[in-house]
Amino acid sequence: MAVGATLFGIVFVVVLTTSKNQSPAARLALKDRKVEIVNGMRTALAAASDAEKSAVMATTDQDSQTFANQARTATKALQQGREQLSGLLDTSGSPREKELLAEFSKSFVDFERIDRDLLALAVQNTNLKAYQLAFGPASEALQAADEALAHLVTRSSESNSADDKKIILLADDARISTLRIQTLLPPHIAEESDQKMDELEARMTREDLAIRKSLAGLAAIRGLAADKDLATAVARYEQFTEIRSQILKLSRENTNVRSLTISLNEKRRAMLLCQDALTGLQQEIEAAFIRDERRRAPVSTR
């Protein structure tokens, strides 16, 4: 049925556009068909933009991909409408209608390019994955390291020996530095500027060196080389360090931040240009029909 309706529509348009002496009803039907196509294009433009924003804001890869596919489908429908309208205007369009469609087509090229790049970024969700690591496995590893060092401090606080005081000092220094690194991860993930990310990573590196120095100092104290709590703290901090490397790599790709920035700036401008062109095109179709009907109206002899 759909194919039949499409063929009928094509035949209908051909008849309308090739007839030299169209009836008023045929001219009205042709105008309505043009407006119908433009309205369909405006609907597809809105659907593509809404789906793109949903892809950018989705919290899972599956949802992002689903919305990205919806955006691509709507964009394809928009392109099909443009081609249909172009065919009509080639044979029955005013110069201004053709000019406005050309303006839309130019804006649509940018719209498609931006959308293609944006959706490719949105479905990767690297910032979201970095957050999940930071507040999941990374946080768990640091918590385990902190608990082990806290236990070491508790044991040492029962004595006032020089070594025990040193243990408490070194363990507390390591705990404070690990906390500082942990608090630097979320700003890094959210950051857009490479320069600021460099600065955050430099601060992490300084804290990392301080932690390793403290842990090495603890291991050098007599009786702690084989201490279970210290071994746990060292192992869990190394685990955190590996996860931190993954987080920083994902954060550097910055796909969620970049796609959101493109969506709010470049994509929005391209969408508004397409929208304005379609609005102007619809207005011109209506105006051209009125001008043509007035030209065709019989002149009164009175």
C-alpha atoms as a PDB file:
ATOM      1  CA  MET A   1       0.000   0.000   0.000  1.00  0.00           C
ATOM      2  CA  ALA A   2       2.826   2.376   0.853  1.00  0.00           C
ATOM      3  CA  VAL A   3       4.506   1.736  -2.508  1.00  0.00           C
ATOM      4  CA  GLY A   4       1.234   2.226  -4.310  1.00  0.00           C
ATOM      5  CA  ALA A   5       0.596   5.495  -2.520  1.00  0.00           C
ATOM      6  CA  THR A   6       4.088   6.688  -3.381  1.00  0.00           C
ATOM      7  CA  LEU A   7       3.636   5.847  -7.070  1.00  0.00           C
ATOM      8  CA  PHE A   8       0.267   7.557  -7.093  1.00  0.00           C
ATOM      9  CA  GLY A   9       1.824  10.649  -5.536  1.00  0.00           C
ATOM     10  CA  ILE A  10       4.551  10.701  -8.177  1.00  0.00           C
ATOM     11  CA  VAL A  11       2.042  10.367 -11.020  1.00  0.00           C
ATOM     12  CA  PHE A  12      -0.105  13.041  -9.401  1.00  0.00           C
ATOM     13  CA  VAL A  13       2.801  15.477  -9.207  1.00  0.00           C
ATOM     14  CA  VAL A  14       3.863  14.750 -12.781  1.00  0.00           C
ATOM     15  CA  VAL A  15       0.363  15.464 -14.030  1.00  0.00           C
ATOM     16  CA  LEU A  16       0.180  18.680 -12.065  1.00  0.00           C
ATOM     17  CA  THR A  17       3.578  19.974 -13.087  1.00  0.00           C
ATOM     18  CA  THR A  18       3.465  19.061 -16.774  1.00  0.00           C
ATOM     19  CA  SER A  19      -0.004  20.349 -17.544  1.00  0.00           C
ATOM     20  CA  LYS A  20       0.130  23.668 -19.403  1.00  0.00           C
ATOM     21  CA  ASN A  21      -3.363  24.733 -18.401  1.00  0.00           C
ATOM     22  CA  GLN A  22      -3.809  23.709 -14.788  1.00  0.00           C
ATOM     23  CA  SER A  23      -7.161  24.144 -13.174  1.00  0.00           C
ATOM     24  CA  PRO A  24      -7.444  26.267 -10.026  1.00  0.00           C
ATOM     25  CA  ALA A  25      -7.943  23.070  -8.030  1.00  0.00           C
ATOM     26  CA  ALA A  26      -4.786  21.549  -9.509  1.00  0.00           C
ATOM     27  CA  ARG A  27      -2.766  24.663  -8.760  1.00  0.00           C
ATOM     28  CA  LEU A  28      -4.058  24.677  -5.184  1.00  0.00           C
ATOM     29  CA  ALA A  29      -3.228  20.976  -4.809  1.00  0.00           C
ATOM     30  CA  LEU A  30       0.296  21.604  -6.050  1.00  0.00           C
ATOM     31  CA  LYS A  31       0.785  24.449  -3.613  1.00  0.00           C
ATOM     32  CA  ASP A  32      -0.559  22.322  -0.764  1.00  0.00           C
ATOM     33  CA  ARG A  33       1.794  19.505  -1.728  1.00  0.00           C
ATOM     34  CA  LYS A  34       4.790  21.847  -1.546  1.00  0.00           C
ATOM     35  CA  VAL A  35       3.691  23.102   1.868  1.00  0.00           C
ATOM     36  CA  GLU A  36       3.127  19.536   3.040  1.00  0.00           C
ATOM     37  CA  ILE A  37       6.677  18.577   2.098  1.00  0.00           C
ATOM     38  CA  VAL A  38       8.122  21.639   3.827  1.00  0.00           C
ATOM     39  CA  ASN A  39       6.124  20.890   6.985  1.00  0.00           C
ATOM     40  CA  GLY A  40       7.388  17.318   6.878  1.00  0.00           C
ATOM     41  CA  MET A  41      10.947  18.622   6.592  1.00  0.00           C
ATOM     42  CA  ARG A  42      10.433  20.921   9.575  1.00  0.00           C
ATOM     43  CA  THR A  43       9.092  18.011  11.602  1.00  0.00           C
ATOM     44  CA  ALA A  44      12.066  15.848  10.601  1.00  0.00           C
ATOM     45  CA  LEU A  45      14.470  18.679  11.501  1.00  0.00           C
ATOM     46  CA  ALA A  46      12.944  18.981  14.962  1.00  0.00           C
ATOM     47  CA  ALA A  47      12.999  15.192  15.438  1.00  0.00           C
ATOM     48  CA  ALA A  48      16.655  14.979  14.378  1.00  0.00           C
ATOM     49  CA  SER A  49      17.630  17.752  16.791  1.00  0.00           C
ATOM     50  CA  ASP A  50      15.693  16.246  19.710  1.00  0.00           C
ATOM     51  CA  ALA A  51      17.155  12.776  19.141  1.00  0.00           C
ATOM     52  CA  GLU A  52      20.668  14.211  18.859  1.00  0.00           C
ATOM     53  CA  LYS A  53      20.309  15.996  22.210  1.00  0.00           C
ATOM     54  CA  SER A  54      19.002  12.783  23.772  1.00  0.00           C
ATOM     55  CA  ALA A  55      22.032  10.911  22.404  1.00  0.00           C
ATOM     56  CA  VAL A  56      24.348  13.499  23.961  1.00  0.00           C
ATOM     57  CA  MET A  57      22.588  13.385  27.352  1.00  0.00           C
ATOM     58  CA  ALA A  58      22.025   9.608  27.535  1.00  0.00           C
ATOM     59  CA  THR A  59      23.706   7.802  30.417  1.00  0.00           C
ATOM     60  CA  THR A  60      24.391   4.457  28.712  1.00  0.00           C
ATOM     61  CA  ASP A  61      26.057   3.433  25.454  1.00  0.00           C
ATOM     62  CA  GLN A  62      22.926   1.579  24.396  1.00  0.00           C
ATOM     63  CA  ASP A  63      20.667   4.603  24.891  1.00  0.00           C
ATOM     64  CA  SER A  64      23.156   6.893  23.153  1.00  0.00           C
ATOM     65  CA  GLN A  65      23.294   4.553  20.164  1.00  0.00           C
ATOM     66  CA  THR A  66      19.506   4.233  20.037  1.00  0.00           C
ATOM     67  CA  PHE A  67      18.992   7.996  19.998  1.00  0.00           C
ATOM     68  CA  ALA A  68      21.841   8.482  17.516  1.00  0.00           C
ATOM     69  CA  ASN A  69      20.136   6.036  15.134  1.00  0.00           C
ATOM     70  CA  GLN A  70      16.870   7.938  15.551  1.00  0.00           C
ATOM     71  CA  ALA A  71      18.646  11.190  14.729  1.00  0.00           C
ATOM     72  CA  ARG A  72      20.194   9.687  11.590  1.00  0.00           C
ATOM     73  CA  THR A  73      16.791   8.334  10.481  1.00  0.00           C
ATOM     74  CA  ALA A  74      15.173  11.746  10.922  1.00  0.00           C
ATOM     75  CA  THR A  75      18.021  13.420   9.030  1.00  0.00           C
ATOM     76  CA  LYS A  76      17.552  10.929   6.194  1.00  0.00           C
ATOM     77  CA  ALA A  77      13.841  11.799   6.060  1.00  0.00           C
ATOM     78  CA  LEU A  78      14.806  15.469   5.917  1.00  0.00           C
ATOM     79  CA  GLN A  79      17.093  14.782   2.972  1.00  0.00           C
ATOM     80  CA  GLN A  80      14.358  12.840   1.182  1.00  0.00           C
ATOM     81  CA  GLY A  81      11.966  15.743   1.643  1.00  0.00           C
ATOM     82  CA  ARG A  82      14.548  18.130   0.222  1.00  0.00           C
ATOM     83  CA  GLU A  83      14.939  15.948  -2.856  1.00  0.00           C
ATOM     84  CA  GLN A  84      11.165  15.713  -3.368  1.00  0.00           C
ATOM     85  CA  LEU A  85      10.745  19.460  -3.054  1.00  0.00           C
ATOM     86  CA  SER A  86      13.662  20.104  -5.375  1.00  0.00           C
ATOM     87  CA  GLY A  87      11.963  17.969  -8.033  1.00  0.00           C
ATOM     88  CA  LEU A  88       8.737  19.957  -7.688  1.00  0.00           C
ATOM     89  CA  LEU A  89      10.421  23.340  -7.771  1.00  0.00           C
ATOM     90  CA  ASP A  90      12.456  22.423 -10.847  1.00  0.00           C
ATOM     91  CA  THR A  91       9.236  22.411 -12.870  1.00  0.00           C
ATOM     92  CA  SER A  92       6.848  24.586 -10.888  1.00  0.00           C
ATOM     93  CA  GLY A  93       8.843  26.767  -8.517  1.00  0.00           C
ATOM     94  CA  SER A  94       9.302  30.509  -8.492  1.00  0.00           C
ATOM     95  CA  PRO A  95      12.859  31.875  -8.678  1.00  0.00           C
ATOM     96  CA  ARG A  96      12.610  32.907  -5.024  1.00  0.00           C
ATOM     97  CA  GLU A  97      11.410  29.436  -3.968  1.00  0.00           C
ATOM     98  CA  LYS A  98      14.414  27.879  -5.693  1.00  0.00           C
ATOM     99  CA  GLU A  99      16.721  30.417  -4.088  1.00  0.00           C
ATOM    100  CA  LEU A 100      15.388  29.673  -0.615  1.00  0.00           C
ATOM    101  CA  LEU A 101      15.685  25.926  -1.161  1.00  0.00           C
ATOM    102  CA  ALA A 102      19.303  26.472  -2.228  1.00  0.00           C
ATOM    103  CA  GLU A 103      19.898  28.420   1.015  1.00  0.00           C
ATOM    104  CA  PHE A 104      18.389  25.560   2.994  1.00  0.00           C
ATOM    105  CA  SER A 105      20.514  23.014   1.123  1.00  0.00           C
ATOM    106  CA  LYS A 106      23.671  24.957   1.966  1.00  0.00           C
ATOM    107  CA  SER A 107      22.751  25.069   5.660  1.00  0.00           C
ATOM    108  CA  PHE A 108      21.725  21.419   5.554  1.00  0.00           C
ATOM    109  CA  VAL A 109      25.204  20.397   4.356  1.00  0.00           C
ATOM    110  CA  ASP A 110      26.671  21.953   7.508  1.00  0.00           C
ATOM    111  CA  PHE A 111      23.897  20.425   9.617  1.00  0.00           C
ATOM    112  CA  GLU A 112      24.697  16.942   8.322  1.00  0.00           C
ATOM    113  CA  ARG A 113      28.457  17.356   8.779  1.00  0.00           C
ATOM    114  CA  ILE A 114      28.130  18.634  12.339  1.00  0.00           C
ATOM    115  CA  ASP A 115      25.579  15.945  13.195  1.00  0.00           C
ATOM    116  CA  ARG A 116      27.823  13.198  11.835  1.00  0.00           C
ATOM    117  CA  ASP A 117      30.786  14.329  13.943  1.00  0.00           C
ATOM    118  CA  LEU A 118      28.669  15.015  17.022  1.00  0.00           C
ATOM    119  CA  LEU A 119      26.891  11.650  17.063  1.00  0.00           C
ATOM    120  CA  ALA A 120      30.164   9.787  16.548  1.00  0.00           C
ATOM    121  CA  LEU A 121      31.418  11.444  19.749  1.00  0.00           C
ATOM    122  CA  ALA A 122      28.192  11.105  21.741  1.00  0.00           C
ATOM    123  CA  VAL A 123      27.999   7.314  21.519  1.00  0.00           C
ATOM    124  CA  GLN A 124      31.502   6.869  22.995  1.00  0.00           C
ATOM    125  CA  ASN A 125      30.615   8.297  26.431  1.00  0.00           C
ATOM    126  CA  THR A 126      34.239   8.509  27.569  1.00  0.00           C
ATOM    127  CA  ASN A 127      33.574  11.111  30.268  1.00  0.00           C
ATOM    128  CA  LEU A 128      30.695   9.076  31.633  1.00  0.00           C
ATOM    129  CA  LYS A 129      32.899   5.969  31.742  1.00  0.00           C
ATOM    130  CA  ALA A 130      35.636   7.969  33.471  1.00  0.00           C
ATOM    131  CA  TYR A 131      33.173   9.072  36.153  1.00  0.00           C
ATOM    132  CA  GLN A 132      32.032   5.489  36.648  1.00  0.00           C
ATOM    133  CA  LEU A 133      35.624   4.383  37.199  1.00  0.00           C
ATOM    134  CA  ALA A 134      36.413   7.323  39.473  1.00  0.00           C
ATOM    135  CA  PHE A 135      33.436   6.793  41.754  1.00  0.00           C
ATOM    136  CA  GLY A 136      33.546   3.009  41.494  1.00  0.00           C
ATOM    137  CA  PRO A 137      36.744   0.909  41.313  1.00  0.00           C
ATOM    138  CA  ALA A 138      39.113   3.854  41.899  1.00  0.00           C
ATOM    139  CA  SER A 139      37.255   4.999  44.995  1.00  0.00           C
ATOM    140  CA  GLU A 140      37.088   1.444  46.328  1.00  0.00           C
ATOM    141  CA  ALA A 141      40.829   0.925  45.880  1.00  0.00           C
ATOM    142  CA  LEU A 142      41.672   4.177  47.677  1.00  0.00           C
ATOM    143  CA  GLN A 143      39.254   3.389  50.479  1.00  0.00           C
ATOM    144  CA  ALA A 144      40.936   0.017  51.033  1.00  0.00           C
ATOM    145  CA  ALA A 145      44.385   1.674  51.041  1.00  0.00           C
ATOM    146  CA  ASP A 146      43.172   4.335  53.467  1.00  0.00           C
ATOM    147  CA  GLU A 147      41.666   1.757  55.827  1.00  0.00           C
ATOM    148  CA  ALA A 148      44.912  -0.206  55.861  1.00  0.00           C
ATOM    149  CA  LEU A 149      46.934   2.938  56.656  1.00  0.00           C
ATOM    150  CA  ALA A 150      44.373   3.959  59.297  1.00  0.00           C
ATOM    151  CA  HIS A 151      44.774   0.562  60.942  1.00  0.00           C
ATOM    152  CA  LEU A 152      48.538   1.040  60.898  1.00  0.00           C
ATOM    153  CA  VAL A 153      48.135   4.446  62.575  1.00  0.00           C
ATOM    154  CA  THR A 154      45.825   2.988  65.240  1.00  0.00           C
ATOM    155  CA  ARG A 155      48.332   0.294  66.102  1.00  0.00           C
ATOM    156  CA  SER A 156      51.181   2.804  66.300  1.00  0.00           C
ATOM    157  CA  SER A 157      49.254   5.294  68.423  1.00  0.00           C
ATOM    158  CA  GLU A 158      49.386   2.854  71.332  1.00  0.00           C
ATOM    159  CA  SER A 159      53.085   3.573  71.750  1.00  0.00           C
ATOM    160  CA  ASN A 160      55.137   6.743  72.066  1.00  0.00           C
ATOM    161  CA  SER A 161      58.301   5.413  70.487  1.00  0.00           C
ATOM    162  CA  ALA A 162      60.111   7.474  67.847  1.00  0.00           C
ATOM    163  CA  ASP A 163      59.353   4.900  65.181  1.00  0.00           C
ATOM    164  CA  ASP A 164      55.647   4.889  66.003  1.00  0.00           C
ATOM    165  CA  LYS A 165      55.463   8.674  65.768  1.00  0.00           C
ATOM    166  CA  LYS A 166      57.203   8.490  62.419  1.00  0.00           C
ATOM    167  CA  ILE A 167      54.773   5.800  61.242  1.00  0.00           C
ATOM    168  CA  ILE A 168      51.792   7.981  62.171  1.00  0.00           C
ATOM    169  CA  LEU A 169      53.271  11.004  60.383  1.00  0.00           C
ATOM    170  CA  LEU A 170      54.143   9.119  57.186  1.00  0.00           C
ATOM    171  CA  ALA A 171      50.835   7.237  57.067  1.00  0.00           C
ATOM    172  CA  ASP A 172      48.810  10.404  57.589  1.00  0.00           C
ATOM    173  CA  ASP A 173      50.787  12.207  54.880  1.00  0.00           C
ATOM    174  CA  ALA A 174      50.052   9.374  52.453  1.00  0.00           C
ATOM    175  CA  ARG A 175      46.358   9.391  53.345  1.00  0.00           C
ATOM    176  CA  ILE A 176      46.070  13.158  52.833  1.00  0.00           C
ATOM    177  CA  SER A 177      47.790  13.003  49.436  1.00  0.00           C
ATOM    178  CA  THR A 178      45.584  10.160  48.220  1.00  0.00           C
ATOM    179  CA  LEU A 179      42.531  12.204  49.184  1.00  0.00           C
ATOM    180  CA  ARG A 180      43.889  15.160  47.225  1.00  0.00           C
ATOM    181  CA  ILE A 181      44.359  13.034  44.106  1.00  0.00           C
ATOM    182  CA  GLN A 182      40.846  11.668  44.461  1.00  0.00           C
ATOM    183  CA  THR A 183      39.363  15.176  44.634  1.00  0.00           C
ATOM    184  CA  LEU A 184      41.264  16.212  41.482  1.00  0.00           C
ATOM    185  CA  LEU A 185      39.768  13.485  39.281  1.00  0.00           C
ATOM    186  CA  PRO A 186      36.194  14.842  38.854  1.00  0.00           C
ATOM    187  CA  PRO A 187      37.381  18.341  37.793  1.00  0.00           C
ATOM    188  CA  HIS A 188      39.727  16.705  35.288  1.00  0.00           C
ATOM    189  CA  ILE A 189      36.877  14.640  33.803  1.00  0.00           C
ATOM    190  CA  ALA A 190      34.647  17.706  33.504  1.00  0.00           C
ATOM    191  CA  GLU A 191      37.377  19.966  32.116  1.00  0.00           C
ATOM    192  CA  GLU A 192      37.319  21.032  28.472  1.00  0.00           C
ATOM    193  CA  SER A 193      40.709  22.754  28.298  1.00  0.00           C
ATOM    194  CA  ASP A 194      43.818  20.639  27.663  1.00  0.00           C
ATOM    195  CA  GLN A 195      45.928  23.223  29.465  1.00  0.00           C
ATOM    196  CA  LYS A 196      43.877  22.994  32.646  1.00  0.00           C
ATOM    197  CA  MET A 197      43.937  19.197  32.433  1.00  0.00           C
ATOM    198  CA  ASP A 198      47.741  19.412  32.221  1.00  0.00           C
ATOM    199  CA  GLU A 199      47.756  21.498  35.381  1.00  0.00           C
ATOM    200  CA  LEU A 200      45.517  19.046  37.232  1.00  0.00           C
ATOM    201  CA  GLU A 201      47.678  16.112  36.162  1.00  0.00           C
ATOM    202  CA  ALA A 202      50.815  17.947  37.321  1.00  0.00           C
ATOM    203  CA  ARG A 203      49.249  18.340  40.763  1.00  0.00           C
ATOM    204  CA  MET A 204      48.342  14.640  40.783  1.00  0.00           C
ATOM    205  CA  THR A 205      51.913  13.748  39.891  1.00  0.00           C
ATOM    206  CA  ARG A 206      53.265  15.785  42.815  1.00  0.00           C
ATOM    207  CA  GLU A 207      50.845  14.098  45.209  1.00  0.00           C
ATOM    208  CA  ASP A 208      51.709  10.696  43.741  1.00  0.00           C
ATOM    209  CA  LEU A 209      55.411  11.303  44.417  1.00  0.00           C
ATOM    210  CA  ALA A 210      54.606  12.328  47.988  1.00  0.00           C
ATOM    211  CA  ILE A 211      52.560   9.150  48.522  1.00  0.00           C
ATOM    212  CA  ARG A 212      55.299   6.905  47.178  1.00  0.00           C
ATOM    213  CA  LYS A 213      57.871   8.656  49.314  1.00  0.00           C
ATOM    214  CA  SER A 214      55.732   8.131  52.416  1.00  0.00           C
ATOM    215  CA  LEU A 215      55.087   4.460  51.597  1.00  0.00           C
ATOM    216  CA  ALA A 216      58.794   3.890  50.969  1.00  0.00           C
ATOM    217  CA  GLY A 217      59.578   5.603  54.262  1.00  0.00           C
ATOM    218  CA  LEU A 218      57.163   3.288  56.057  1.00  0.00           C
ATOM    219  CA  ALA A 219      58.690   0.204  54.413  1.00  0.00           C
ATOM    220  CA  ALA A 220      62.146   1.328  55.595  1.00  0.00           C
ATOM    221  CA  ILE A 221      61.075   1.349  59.243  1.00  0.00           C
ATOM    222  CA  ARG A 222      62.199  -1.694  61.177  1.00  0.00           C
ATOM    223  CA  GLY A 223      59.509  -4.335  61.370  1.00  0.00           C
ATOM    224  CA  LEU A 224      57.259  -2.870  58.684  1.00  0.00           C
ATOM    225  CA  ALA A 225      58.830  -4.332  55.556  1.00  0.00           C
ATOM    226  CA  ALA A 226      56.536  -7.367  55.786  1.00  0.00           C
ATOM    227  CA  ASP A 227      53.649  -5.664  57.585  1.00  0.00           C
ATOM    228  CA  LYS A 228      50.265  -6.851  56.302  1.00  0.00           C
ATOM    229  CA  ASP A 229      48.534  -3.468  56.521  1.00  0.00           C
ATOM    230  CA  LEU A 230      51.358  -1.704  54.720  1.00  0.00           C
ATOM    231  CA  ALA A 231      51.399  -4.389  52.021  1.00  0.00           C
ATOM    232  CA  THR A 232      47.652  -3.934  51.541  1.00  0.00           C
ATOM    233  CA  ALA A 233      48.005  -0.142  51.324  1.00  0.00           C
ATOM    234  CA  VAL A 234      50.780  -0.425  48.731  1.00  0.00           C
ATOM    235  CA  ALA A 235      48.927  -3.001  46.628  1.00  0.00           C
ATOM    236  CA  ARG A 236      45.647  -1.116  46.650  1.00  0.00           C
ATOM    237  CA  TYR A 237      47.342   2.178  45.818  1.00  0.00           C
ATOM    238  CA  GLU A 238      49.036   0.538  42.831  1.00  0.00           C
ATOM    239  CA  GLN A 239      45.625  -0.729  41.744  1.00  0.00           C
ATOM    240  CA  PHE A 240      44.264   2.789  42.041  1.00  0.00           C
ATOM    241  CA  THR A 241      47.177   4.120  39.985  1.00  0.00           C
ATOM    242  CA  GLU A 242      46.362   1.761  37.126  1.00  0.00           C
ATOM    243  CA  ILE A 243      42.693   2.751  37.218  1.00  0.00           C
ATOM    244  CA  ARG A 244      43.674   6.428  37.385  1.00  0.00           C
ATOM    245  CA  SER A 245      45.611   6.026  34.141  1.00  0.00           C
ATOM    246  CA  GLN A 246      42.473   4.658  32.480  1.00  0.00           C
ATOM    247  CA  ILE A 247      40.411   7.522  33.878  1.00  0.00           C
ATOM    248  CA  LEU A 248      42.807  10.164  32.588  1.00  0.00           C
ATOM    249  CA  LYS A 249      42.923   8.551  29.144  1.00  0.00           C
ATOM    250  CA  LEU A 250      39.121   8.504  28.910  1.00  0.00           C
ATOM    251  CA  SER A 251      38.918  12.028  30.278  1.00  0.00           C
ATOM    252  CA  ARG A 252      41.365  13.270  27.644  1.00  0.00           C
ATOM    253  CA  GLU A 253      39.155  11.912  24.859  1.00  0.00           C
ATOM    254  CA  ASN A 254      36.441  14.126  26.335  1.00  0.00           C
ATOM    255  CA  THR A 255      33.708  12.888  24.001  1.00  0.00           C
ATOM    256  CA  ASN A 256      30.765  13.851  26.222  1.00  0.00           C
ATOM    257  CA  VAL A 257      32.092  17.327  26.902  1.00  0.00           C
ATOM    258  CA  ARG A 258      32.976  17.894  23.247  1.00  0.00           C
ATOM    259  CA  SER A 259      29.652  16.590  21.921  1.00  0.00           C
ATOM    260  CA  LEU A 260      27.720  18.754  24.399  1.00  0.00           C
ATOM    261  CA  THR A 261      29.713  21.831  23.394  1.00  0.00           C
ATOM    262  CA  ILE A 262      29.065  21.155  19.704  1.00  0.00           C
ATOM    263  CA  SER A 263      25.371  20.535  20.387  1.00  0.00           C
ATOM    264  CA  LEU A 264      24.936  23.814  22.247  1.00  0.00           C
ATOM    265  CA  ASN A 265      26.895  25.905  19.764  1.00  0.00           C
ATOM    266  CA  GLU A 266      27.628  24.724  16.211  1.00  0.00           C
ATOM    267  CA  LYS A 267      24.681  22.347  15.946  1.00  0.00           C
ATOM    268  CA  ARG A 268      22.202  24.844  17.343  1.00  0.00           C
ATOM    269  CA  ARG A 269      23.317  27.515  14.868  1.00  0.00           C
ATOM    270  CA  ALA A 270      23.079  25.106  11.924  1.00  0.00           C
ATOM    271  CA  MET A 271      19.636  23.938  13.027  1.00  0.00           C
ATOM    272  CA  LEU A 272      18.331  27.514  13.341  1.00  0.00           C
ATOM    273  CA  LEU A 273      19.615  28.387   9.864  1.00  0.00           C
ATOM    274  CA  CYS A 274      17.810  25.354   8.418  1.00  0.00           C
ATOM    275  CA  GLN A 275      14.691  26.237  10.368  1.00  0.00           C
ATOM    276  CA  ASP A 276      14.713  29.845   9.166  1.00  0.00           C
ATOM    277  CA  ALA A 277      15.217  28.756   5.552  1.00  0.00           C
ATOM    278  CA  LEU A 278      12.254  26.377   5.730  1.00  0.00           C
ATOM    279  CA  THR A 279      10.042  29.021   7.341  1.00  0.00           C
ATOM    280  CA  GLY A 280      10.947  31.497   4.602  1.00  0.00           C
ATOM    281  CA  LEU A 281      10.385  28.841   1.960  1.00  0.00           C
ATOM    282  CA  GLN A 282       6.902  28.043   3.203  1.00  0.00           C
ATOM    283  CA  GLN A 283       6.007  31.729   3.301  1.00  0.00           C
ATOM    284  CA  GLU A 284       7.260  32.182  -0.260  1.00  0.00           C
ATOM    285  CA  ILE A 285       5.277  29.184  -1.508  1.00  0.00           C
ATOM    286  CA  GLU A 286       2.098  30.720  -0.081  1.00  0.00           C
ATOM    287  CA  ALA A 287       2.966  34.191  -1.425  1.00  0.00           C
ATOM    288  CA  ALA A 288       3.897  32.872  -4.888  1.00  0.00           C
ATOM    289  CA  PHE A 289       0.577  31.044  -5.127  1.00  0.00           C
ATOM    290  CA  ILE A 290      -1.342  34.238  -4.278  1.00  0.00           C
ATOM    291  CA  ARG A 291       0.651  36.272  -6.796  1.00  0.00           C
ATOM    292  CA  ASP A 292       0.025  33.696  -9.494  1.00  0.00           C
ATOM    293  CA  GLU A 293      -3.697  33.537  -8.792  1.00  0.00           C
ATOM    294  CA  ARG A 294      -3.975  37.316  -8.925  1.00  0.00           C
ATOM    295  CA  ARG A 295      -2.116  37.365 -12.229  1.00  0.00           C
ATOM    296  CA  ARG A 296      -4.471  34.751 -13.649  1.00  0.00           C
ATOM    297  CA  ALA A 297      -7.625  36.524 -12.426  1.00  0.00           C
ATOM    298  CA  PRO A 298      -9.689  38.078 -15.265  1.00  0.00           C
ATOM    299  CA  VAL A 299      -9.451  41.852 -15.513  1.00  0.00           C
ATOM    300  CA  SER A 300     -12.762  43.654 -15.039  1.00  0.00           C
ATOM    301  CA  THR A 301     -13.876  45.698 -18.093  1.00  0.00           C
ATOM    302  CA  ARG A 302     -16.038  48.063 -16.022  1.00  0.00           C
END
